[in-house]
């Protein structure tokens, strides 16, 4: 009787299948997740309506340190510090404010993600009437340390398409 160190064909096929399954699981664990990108984007806009000052903290947590932001009421790009100042200015003059995101779409390309959504910014400035500002937002993000951060954030009003919208 001869003892062989060689494995049979069935065993070889099983080992290859196990190896491929392990490699696929490992690759999918390393692939950035579009759902995580969407969750990070939504968290950046989810703040208590009665705490408009918290808008800055949530939005800035999403922004990368080297980010540029364009907001609907500022006609030029702001760095992170400038955007923080802008959000802080608004936060002190609003009693209530919230942003509702609609039709959020994401695309992940390696460690880069693009997310976009229509939004409706609703709120009440202090000593003034109610405001409603519809718009469209896009963010180009990078996955850094397992966390999605926006390198570029652009918020654009849709007031040109909506007649008789609330001023502001």
N, C-alpha and C. Protein backbone atom coordinates (compact mmCIF):
# COMPACT_ATOMS: atom_id res chain seq x y z
N UNK A 1 0.85 -1.18 0.00
CA UNK A 1 0.00 0.00 0.00
C UNK A 1 0.90 1.24 0.00
N UNK A 2 0.57 2.15 -0.88
CA UNK A 2 1.37 3.36 -1.02
C UNK A 2 0.67 4.53 -0.33
N UNK A 3 1.38 5.30 0.46
CA UNK A 3 0.82 6.48 1.12
C UNK A 3 1.19 7.69 0.28
N UNK A 4 0.22 8.50 -0.06
CA UNK A 4 0.46 9.66 -0.92
C UNK A 4 0.20 10.95 -0.14
N UNK A 5 1.04 11.92 -0.35
CA UNK A 5 0.83 13.24 0.25
C UNK A 5 -0.08 14.10 -0.61
N UNK A 6 -0.36 13.64 -1.79
CA UNK A 6 -1.21 14.40 -2.70
C UNK A 6 -2.67 14.31 -2.26
N UNK A 7 -3.41 15.39 -2.49
CA UNK A 7 -4.83 15.37 -2.16
C UNK A 7 -5.62 15.06 -3.41
N UNK A 8 -6.81 14.56 -3.21
CA UNK A 8 -7.67 14.21 -4.34
C UNK A 8 -8.25 15.46 -5.00
N UNK A 9 -8.80 15.24 -6.18
CA UNK A 9 -9.38 16.34 -6.96
C UNK A 9 -10.52 17.02 -6.21
N UNK A 10 -11.41 16.25 -5.59
CA UNK A 10 -12.53 16.84 -4.84
C UNK A 10 -12.03 17.72 -3.70
N UNK A 11 -11.05 17.22 -2.99
CA UNK A 11 -10.50 18.00 -1.87
C UNK A 11 -9.85 19.29 -2.37
N UNK A 12 -9.18 19.20 -3.51
CA UNK A 12 -8.56 20.40 -4.09
C UNK A 12 -9.61 21.42 -4.48
N UNK A 13 -10.70 20.97 -5.09
CA UNK A 13 -11.79 21.88 -5.47
C UNK A 13 -12.39 22.53 -4.23
N UNK A 14 -12.56 21.74 -3.17
CA UNK A 14 -13.11 22.28 -1.92
C UNK A 14 -12.19 23.36 -1.35
N UNK A 15 -10.89 23.08 -1.35
CA UNK A 15 -9.94 24.05 -0.81
C UNK A 15 -9.94 25.34 -1.62
N UNK A 16 -10.00 25.21 -2.94
CA UNK A 16 -10.05 26.41 -3.79
C UNK A 16 -11.32 27.19 -3.51
N UNK A 17 -12.45 26.50 -3.38
CA UNK A 17 -13.73 27.18 -3.10
C UNK A 17 -13.68 27.89 -1.76
N UNK A 18 -13.11 27.23 -0.76
CA UNK A 18 -12.99 27.85 0.56
C UNK A 18 -12.09 29.09 0.48
N UNK A 19 -10.98 28.97 -0.24
CA UNK A 19 -10.06 30.11 -0.40
C UNK A 19 -10.72 31.27 -1.11
N UNK A 20 -11.48 30.99 -2.18
CA UNK A 20 -12.17 32.07 -2.90
C UNK A 20 -13.21 32.74 -2.03
N UNK A 21 -13.94 31.93 -1.25
CA UNK A 21 -14.96 32.51 -0.35
C UNK A 21 -14.30 33.40 0.70
N UNK A 22 -13.18 32.94 1.25
CA UNK A 22 -12.46 33.74 2.25
C UNK A 22 -11.94 35.04 1.64
N UNK A 23 -11.41 34.96 0.42
CA UNK A 23 -10.90 36.16 -0.25
C UNK A 23 -12.02 37.15 -0.54
N UNK A 24 -13.18 36.65 -0.96
CA UNK A 24 -14.32 37.52 -1.25
C UNK A 24 -14.81 38.18 0.02
N UNK A 25 -14.86 37.43 1.12
CA UNK A 25 -15.29 38.01 2.39
C UNK A 25 -14.31 39.08 2.85
N UNK A 26 -13.02 38.80 2.71
CA UNK A 26 -12.00 39.77 3.09
C UNK A 26 -12.09 41.03 2.24
N UNK A 27 -12.29 40.86 0.93
CA UNK A 27 -12.39 42.02 0.03
C UNK A 27 -13.62 42.84 0.35
N UNK A 28 -14.74 42.17 0.63
CA UNK A 28 -15.96 42.94 0.92
C UNK A 28 -15.83 43.65 2.26
N UNK A 29 -15.08 43.09 3.20
CA UNK A 29 -14.88 43.76 4.49
C UNK A 29 -14.02 45.00 4.32
N UNK A 30 -13.15 45.01 3.31
CA UNK A 30 -12.28 46.15 3.09
C UNK A 30 -12.91 47.20 2.19
N UNK A 31 -13.93 46.82 1.43
CA UNK A 31 -14.57 47.76 0.51
C UNK A 31 -15.38 48.80 1.29
N UNK A 32 -15.21 50.07 0.98
CA UNK A 32 -16.03 51.10 1.62
C UNK A 32 -17.51 50.86 1.33
N UNK A 33 -18.33 51.20 2.26
CA UNK A 33 -19.75 50.92 2.20
C UNK A 33 -20.55 52.18 1.86
N UNK A 34 -21.37 52.10 0.82
CA UNK A 34 -22.21 53.24 0.43
C UNK A 34 -23.21 53.58 1.53
N UNK A 35 -23.68 52.58 2.27
CA UNK A 35 -24.63 52.83 3.36
C UNK A 35 -23.96 53.65 4.47
N UNK A 36 -22.69 53.37 4.73
CA UNK A 36 -21.96 54.14 5.75
C UNK A 36 -21.76 55.58 5.29
N UNK A 37 -21.52 55.77 4.01
CA UNK A 37 -21.39 57.13 3.45
C UNK A 37 -22.70 57.89 3.62
N UNK A 38 -23.80 57.25 3.28
CA UNK A 38 -25.10 57.90 3.43
C UNK A 38 -25.39 58.23 4.89
N UNK A 39 -25.06 57.32 5.79
CA UNK A 39 -25.30 57.55 7.22
C UNK A 39 -24.49 58.75 7.72
N UNK A 40 -23.23 58.87 7.27
CA UNK A 40 -22.39 60.00 7.68
C UNK A 40 -22.96 61.31 7.14
N UNK A 41 -23.43 61.29 5.90
CA UNK A 41 -24.02 62.48 5.28
C UNK A 41 -25.29 62.89 6.03
N UNK A 42 -26.15 61.93 6.30
CA UNK A 42 -27.39 62.23 7.03
C UNK A 42 -27.10 62.78 8.43
N UNK A 43 -26.09 62.22 9.09
CA UNK A 43 -25.73 62.68 10.44
C UNK A 43 -25.27 64.13 10.42
N UNK A 44 -24.64 64.54 9.32
CA UNK A 44 -24.16 65.93 9.20
C UNK A 44 -25.30 66.93 9.14
N UNK A 45 -26.48 66.46 8.74
CA UNK A 45 -27.62 67.36 8.61
C UNK A 45 -28.70 67.09 9.65
N UNK A 46 -28.52 66.09 10.49
CA UNK A 46 -29.52 65.74 11.50
C UNK A 46 -29.20 66.45 12.80
N UNK A 47 -29.90 67.50 13.08
CA UNK A 47 -29.73 68.22 14.33
C UNK A 47 -31.11 68.51 14.91
N UNK A 48 -31.20 68.65 16.22
CA UNK A 48 -32.50 68.98 16.81
C UNK A 48 -32.99 70.33 16.29
N UNK A 49 -34.22 70.37 15.86
CA UNK A 49 -34.78 71.59 15.27
C UNK A 49 -34.72 72.77 16.25
N UNK A 50 -34.85 72.49 17.55
CA UNK A 50 -34.87 73.58 18.53
C UNK A 50 -33.46 73.95 19.02
N UNK A 51 -32.41 73.38 18.43
CA UNK A 51 -31.04 73.72 18.80
C UNK A 51 -30.23 74.05 17.55
N UNK A 52 -30.53 75.17 16.89
CA UNK A 52 -29.83 75.50 15.65
C UNK A 52 -28.33 75.66 15.81
N UNK A 53 -27.85 75.95 17.01
CA UNK A 53 -26.41 76.05 17.23
C UNK A 53 -25.71 74.71 17.05
N UNK A 54 -26.46 73.60 17.23
CA UNK A 54 -25.87 72.27 17.07
C UNK A 54 -25.62 71.92 15.61
N UNK A 55 -26.19 72.71 14.68
CA UNK A 55 -25.96 72.47 13.26
C UNK A 55 -24.46 72.52 12.97
N UNK A 56 -23.78 73.50 13.54
CA UNK A 56 -22.35 73.66 13.27
C UNK A 56 -21.57 72.44 13.72
N UNK A 57 -21.85 71.92 14.89
CA UNK A 57 -21.10 70.77 15.41
C UNK A 57 -21.29 69.54 14.52
N UNK A 58 -22.51 69.26 14.12
CA UNK A 58 -22.78 68.09 13.29
C UNK A 58 -22.15 68.24 11.90
N UNK A 59 -22.29 69.39 11.31
CA UNK A 59 -21.75 69.61 9.96
C UNK A 59 -20.23 69.60 9.98
N UNK A 60 -19.64 70.23 10.98
CA UNK A 60 -18.17 70.30 11.04
C UNK A 60 -17.55 68.94 11.35
N UNK A 61 -18.26 68.08 12.06
CA UNK A 61 -17.75 66.73 12.32
C UNK A 61 -17.63 65.94 11.02
N UNK A 62 -18.45 66.27 10.05
CA UNK A 62 -18.44 65.59 8.75
C UNK A 62 -17.36 66.15 7.83
N UNK A 63 -17.00 67.41 8.02
CA UNK A 63 -16.03 68.04 7.12
C UNK A 63 -14.59 67.64 7.44
N UNK A 64 -13.84 67.35 6.42
CA UNK A 64 -12.41 67.09 6.54
C UNK A 64 -11.72 68.40 6.92
N UNK A 65 -10.57 68.30 7.55
CA UNK A 65 -9.84 69.51 7.95
C UNK A 65 -9.46 70.39 6.75
N UNK A 66 -9.26 69.76 5.58
CA UNK A 66 -8.87 70.50 4.38
C UNK A 66 -10.07 70.78 3.47
N UNK A 67 -11.27 70.69 3.99
CA UNK A 67 -12.48 70.83 3.18
C UNK A 67 -12.73 72.26 2.72
N UNK A 68 -13.43 72.35 1.60
CA UNK A 68 -13.99 73.61 1.13
C UNK A 68 -15.50 73.46 1.09
N UNK A 69 -16.21 74.51 1.47
CA UNK A 69 -17.67 74.47 1.48
C UNK A 69 -18.21 75.69 0.75
N UNK A 70 -19.26 75.47 0.00
CA UNK A 70 -19.99 76.56 -0.63
C UNK A 70 -21.41 76.45 -0.12
N UNK A 71 -21.86 77.49 0.55
CA UNK A 71 -23.22 77.51 1.10
C UNK A 71 -24.10 78.36 0.20
N UNK A 72 -25.38 78.15 0.32
CA UNK A 72 -26.31 78.85 -0.56
C UNK A 72 -26.33 80.36 -0.35
N UNK A 73 -25.91 80.86 0.84
CA UNK A 73 -25.94 82.31 1.03
C UNK A 73 -24.58 82.98 0.97
N UNK A 74 -23.53 82.27 0.60
CA UNK A 74 -22.21 82.88 0.50
C UNK A 74 -21.71 82.64 -0.93
N UNK A 75 -21.32 83.69 -1.64
CA UNK A 75 -20.97 83.53 -3.06
C UNK A 75 -19.54 83.07 -3.35
N UNK A 76 -18.82 82.54 -2.33
CA UNK A 76 -17.45 82.09 -2.56
C UNK A 76 -17.16 80.90 -1.65
N UNK A 77 -16.14 80.10 -2.01
CA UNK A 77 -15.80 78.94 -1.18
C UNK A 77 -15.24 79.35 0.18
N UNK A 78 -15.58 78.58 1.19
CA UNK A 78 -15.10 78.80 2.55
C UNK A 78 -14.27 77.61 2.99
N UNK A 79 -13.15 77.87 3.68
CA UNK A 79 -12.43 76.76 4.28
C UNK A 79 -13.21 76.32 5.52
N UNK A 80 -12.71 75.31 6.20
CA UNK A 80 -13.45 74.75 7.34
C UNK A 80 -13.69 75.80 8.42
N UNK A 81 -12.67 76.61 8.73
CA UNK A 81 -12.81 77.65 9.77
C UNK A 81 -13.82 78.71 9.34
N UNK A 82 -13.77 79.10 8.09
CA UNK A 82 -14.74 80.09 7.59
C UNK A 82 -16.16 79.55 7.60
N UNK A 83 -16.30 78.28 7.25
CA UNK A 83 -17.63 77.66 7.26
C UNK A 83 -18.15 77.54 8.70
N UNK A 84 -17.26 77.23 9.64
CA UNK A 84 -17.64 77.16 11.05
C UNK A 84 -18.15 78.52 11.53
N UNK A 85 -17.46 79.58 11.13
CA UNK A 85 -17.87 80.93 11.48
C UNK A 85 -19.24 81.25 10.88
N UNK A 86 -19.43 80.87 9.63
CA UNK A 86 -20.70 81.11 8.93
C UNK A 86 -21.85 80.38 9.62
N UNK A 87 -21.64 79.11 9.97
CA UNK A 87 -22.69 78.34 10.65
C UNK A 87 -22.97 78.91 12.04
N UNK A 88 -21.91 79.33 12.73
CA UNK A 88 -22.09 79.93 14.05
C UNK A 88 -22.89 81.21 14.00
N UNK A 89 -22.64 82.02 12.98
CA UNK A 89 -23.39 83.26 12.79
C UNK A 89 -24.88 82.96 12.62
N UNK A 90 -25.18 81.99 11.75
CA UNK A 90 -26.59 81.64 11.54
C UNK A 90 -27.22 81.04 12.79
N UNK A 91 -26.48 80.19 13.48
CA UNK A 91 -27.02 79.52 14.65
C UNK A 91 -27.52 80.45 15.73
N UNK A 92 -26.87 81.60 15.86
CA UNK A 92 -27.27 82.53 16.92
C UNK A 92 -28.51 83.35 16.56
N UNK A 93 -28.92 83.34 15.29
CA UNK A 93 -30.07 84.15 14.88
C UNK A 93 -31.31 83.34 14.54
N UNK A 94 -31.28 82.04 14.81
CA UNK A 94 -32.44 81.19 14.51
C UNK A 94 -32.98 80.59 15.79
N UNK A 95 -34.31 80.61 15.93
CA UNK A 95 -34.96 79.93 17.06
C UNK A 95 -35.06 78.43 16.79
N UNK A 96 -35.46 78.11 15.59
CA UNK A 96 -35.64 76.71 15.17
C UNK A 96 -35.13 76.57 13.75
N UNK A 97 -34.54 75.42 13.48
CA UNK A 97 -34.10 75.16 12.11
C UNK A 97 -33.85 73.67 11.95
N UNK A 98 -34.27 73.11 10.84
CA UNK A 98 -33.88 71.76 10.52
C UNK A 98 -33.75 71.60 9.01
N UNK A 99 -33.03 70.57 8.63
CA UNK A 99 -32.82 70.28 7.22
C UNK A 99 -33.38 68.90 6.95
N UNK A 100 -34.27 68.82 6.01
CA UNK A 100 -34.83 67.52 5.60
C UNK A 100 -34.19 67.14 4.28
N UNK A 101 -33.60 65.96 4.24
CA UNK A 101 -32.94 65.47 3.02
C UNK A 101 -33.92 64.59 2.23
N UNK A 102 -33.90 64.75 0.93
CA UNK A 102 -34.78 63.98 0.04
C UNK A 102 -33.94 63.37 -1.08
N UNK A 103 -34.27 62.17 -1.47
CA UNK A 103 -33.63 61.49 -2.59
C UNK A 103 -32.10 61.47 -2.46
N UNK A 104 -31.61 60.96 -1.35
CA UNK A 104 -30.16 60.86 -1.14
C UNK A 104 -29.61 59.78 -2.07
N UNK A 105 -28.54 60.11 -2.78
CA UNK A 105 -27.88 59.17 -3.69
C UNK A 105 -26.41 59.13 -3.38
N UNK A 106 -25.85 57.93 -3.41
CA UNK A 106 -24.43 57.76 -3.12
C UNK A 106 -23.76 56.94 -4.21
N UNK A 107 -22.48 57.17 -4.38
CA UNK A 107 -21.64 56.36 -5.26
C UNK A 107 -20.27 56.27 -4.61
N UNK A 108 -19.76 55.06 -4.50
CA UNK A 108 -18.47 54.83 -3.88
C UNK A 108 -17.51 54.32 -4.95
N UNK A 109 -16.33 54.95 -5.02
CA UNK A 109 -15.28 54.57 -5.96
C UNK A 109 -13.99 54.43 -5.15
N UNK A 110 -13.72 53.22 -4.70
CA UNK A 110 -12.55 53.01 -3.84
C UNK A 110 -12.75 53.73 -2.52
N UNK A 111 -11.81 54.60 -2.16
CA UNK A 111 -11.92 55.37 -0.91
C UNK A 111 -12.50 56.76 -1.12
N UNK A 112 -13.14 56.95 -2.28
CA UNK A 112 -13.78 58.21 -2.59
C UNK A 112 -15.28 57.97 -2.73
N UNK A 113 -16.07 58.87 -2.18
CA UNK A 113 -17.51 58.75 -2.28
C UNK A 113 -18.13 60.07 -2.69
N UNK A 114 -19.21 59.97 -3.42
CA UNK A 114 -19.97 61.15 -3.83
C UNK A 114 -21.39 60.94 -3.34
N UNK A 115 -21.91 61.94 -2.67
CA UNK A 115 -23.27 61.84 -2.15
C UNK A 115 -24.00 63.13 -2.51
N UNK A 116 -25.28 63.00 -2.85
CA UNK A 116 -26.07 64.18 -3.21
C UNK A 116 -27.50 63.99 -2.75
N UNK A 117 -28.19 65.11 -2.59
CA UNK A 117 -29.59 65.06 -2.15
C UNK A 117 -30.25 66.41 -2.37
N UNK A 118 -31.54 66.37 -2.58
CA UNK A 118 -32.34 67.59 -2.47
C UNK A 118 -32.50 67.83 -0.98
N UNK A 119 -32.64 69.09 -0.60
CA UNK A 119 -32.89 69.38 0.81
C UNK A 119 -33.93 70.48 0.92
N UNK A 120 -34.53 70.52 2.09
CA UNK A 120 -35.46 71.59 2.44
C UNK A 120 -35.03 72.09 3.81
N UNK A 121 -34.51 73.30 3.82
CA UNK A 121 -34.11 73.92 5.09
C UNK A 121 -35.29 74.72 5.59
N UNK A 122 -35.77 74.35 6.76
CA UNK A 122 -36.95 75.01 7.31
C UNK A 122 -36.60 75.59 8.67
N UNK A 123 -37.16 76.74 8.98
CA UNK A 123 -36.87 77.29 10.28
C UNK A 123 -37.52 78.62 10.55
N UNK A 124 -37.25 79.11 11.75
CA UNK A 124 -37.79 80.39 12.18
C UNK A 124 -36.66 81.24 12.76
N UNK A 125 -36.29 82.30 12.03
CA UNK A 125 -35.31 83.23 12.60
C UNK A 125 -35.91 83.97 13.80
N UNK A 126 -35.06 84.40 14.71
CA UNK A 126 -35.54 85.18 15.87
C UNK A 126 -36.19 86.47 15.37
N UNK A 127 -37.33 86.79 15.96
CA UNK A 127 -38.06 88.03 15.66
C UNK A 127 -38.39 88.19 14.17
N UNK A 128 -38.64 87.10 13.49
CA UNK A 128 -38.99 87.17 12.07
C UNK A 128 -39.89 86.00 11.73
N UNK A 129 -40.43 86.01 10.52
CA UNK A 129 -41.34 84.96 10.08
C UNK A 129 -40.64 83.66 9.75
N UNK A 130 -41.43 82.69 9.34
CA UNK A 130 -40.95 81.36 8.99
C UNK A 130 -40.19 81.40 7.66
N UNK A 131 -39.16 80.59 7.52
CA UNK A 131 -38.38 80.51 6.28
C UNK A 131 -38.36 79.08 5.76
N UNK A 132 -38.40 78.96 4.46
CA UNK A 132 -38.29 77.67 3.79
C UNK A 132 -37.36 77.85 2.61
N UNK A 133 -36.26 77.12 2.61
CA UNK A 133 -35.27 77.26 1.55
C UNK A 133 -35.00 75.89 0.94
N UNK A 134 -35.52 75.62 -0.25
CA UNK A 134 -35.22 74.35 -0.92
C UNK A 134 -33.87 74.45 -1.64
N UNK A 135 -33.20 73.31 -1.78
CA UNK A 135 -31.91 73.33 -2.45
C UNK A 135 -31.43 71.94 -2.83
N UNK A 136 -30.22 71.91 -3.35
CA UNK A 136 -29.58 70.67 -3.73
C UNK A 136 -28.17 70.69 -3.16
N UNK A 137 -27.73 69.57 -2.61
CA UNK A 137 -26.44 69.49 -1.94
C UNK A 137 -25.64 68.33 -2.51
N UNK A 138 -24.34 68.55 -2.71
CA UNK A 138 -23.43 67.48 -3.09
C UNK A 138 -22.22 67.52 -2.18
N UNK A 139 -21.65 66.35 -1.94
CA UNK A 139 -20.42 66.25 -1.15
C UNK A 139 -19.50 65.22 -1.80
N UNK A 140 -18.25 65.59 -1.94
CA UNK A 140 -17.21 64.66 -2.39
C UNK A 140 -16.46 64.28 -1.12
N UNK A 141 -16.42 62.98 -0.85
CA UNK A 141 -15.90 62.51 0.44
C UNK A 141 -14.73 61.56 0.27
N UNK A 142 -13.98 61.42 1.35
CA UNK A 142 -12.88 60.47 1.40
C UNK A 142 -13.05 59.61 2.65
N UNK A 143 -12.65 58.37 2.52
CA UNK A 143 -12.69 57.46 3.67
C UNK A 143 -11.35 57.57 4.37
N UNK A 144 -11.39 58.04 5.60
CA UNK A 144 -10.15 58.29 6.35
C UNK A 144 -10.30 57.68 7.74
N UNK A 145 -9.46 56.70 8.03
CA UNK A 145 -9.53 56.06 9.34
C UNK A 145 -10.86 55.36 9.58
N UNK A 146 -11.46 54.82 8.52
CA UNK A 146 -12.73 54.12 8.64
C UNK A 146 -13.94 55.05 8.73
N UNK A 147 -13.72 56.34 8.53
CA UNK A 147 -14.80 57.34 8.67
C UNK A 147 -14.89 58.19 7.42
N UNK A 148 -16.11 58.41 6.92
CA UNK A 148 -16.32 59.27 5.75
C UNK A 148 -16.25 60.72 6.16
N UNK A 149 -15.46 61.50 5.42
CA UNK A 149 -15.34 62.94 5.67
C UNK A 149 -15.47 63.67 4.35
N UNK A 150 -16.13 64.80 4.35
CA UNK A 150 -16.34 65.59 3.13
C UNK A 150 -15.14 66.48 2.85
N UNK A 151 -14.61 66.36 1.65
CA UNK A 151 -13.54 67.26 1.19
C UNK A 151 -14.13 68.49 0.52
N UNK A 152 -15.30 68.33 -0.06
CA UNK A 152 -15.99 69.44 -0.71
C UNK A 152 -17.49 69.29 -0.44
N UNK A 153 -18.10 70.37 0.00
CA UNK A 153 -19.54 70.40 0.27
C UNK A 153 -20.12 71.60 -0.46
N UNK A 154 -21.15 71.36 -1.26
CA UNK A 154 -21.75 72.44 -2.04
C UNK A 154 -23.26 72.41 -1.84
N UNK A 155 -23.79 73.49 -1.31
CA UNK A 155 -25.24 73.62 -1.10
C UNK A 155 -25.73 74.74 -2.00
N UNK A 156 -26.66 74.41 -2.88
CA UNK A 156 -27.16 75.39 -3.85
C UNK A 156 -28.67 75.54 -3.70
N UNK A 157 -29.16 76.77 -3.68
CA UNK A 157 -30.61 76.97 -3.57
C UNK A 157 -31.30 76.62 -4.88
N UNK A 158 -32.56 76.25 -4.78
CA UNK A 158 -33.38 76.00 -5.96
C UNK A 158 -34.42 77.09 -6.13
N UNK A 159 -34.16 78.25 -5.56
CA UNK A 159 -35.15 79.32 -5.60
C UNK A 159 -35.45 79.79 -7.03
N UNK A 160 -34.53 79.61 -7.95
CA UNK A 160 -34.80 80.02 -9.33
C UNK A 160 -35.92 79.17 -9.94
N UNK A 161 -36.08 77.96 -9.42
CA UNK A 161 -37.13 77.09 -9.95
C UNK A 161 -38.44 77.19 -9.19
N UNK A 162 -38.42 77.86 -8.04
CA UNK A 162 -39.62 77.93 -7.21
C UNK A 162 -40.03 79.39 -7.07
N UNK A 163 -41.16 79.73 -7.62
CA UNK A 163 -41.66 81.10 -7.54
C UNK A 163 -42.33 81.34 -6.20
N UNK A 164 -42.25 82.55 -5.72
CA UNK A 164 -42.88 82.96 -4.47
C UNK A 164 -42.39 82.16 -3.27
N UNK A 165 -41.15 81.69 -3.29
CA UNK A 165 -40.58 80.99 -2.14
C UNK A 165 -40.34 82.01 -1.04
N UNK A 166 -40.27 81.53 0.18
CA UNK A 166 -40.02 82.40 1.32
C UNK A 166 -38.68 83.11 1.11
N UNK A 167 -38.62 84.41 1.40
CA UNK A 167 -37.35 85.11 1.25
C UNK A 167 -36.33 84.62 2.25
N UNK A 168 -35.09 84.91 2.02
CA UNK A 168 -34.07 84.55 2.99
C UNK A 168 -32.99 83.86 2.34
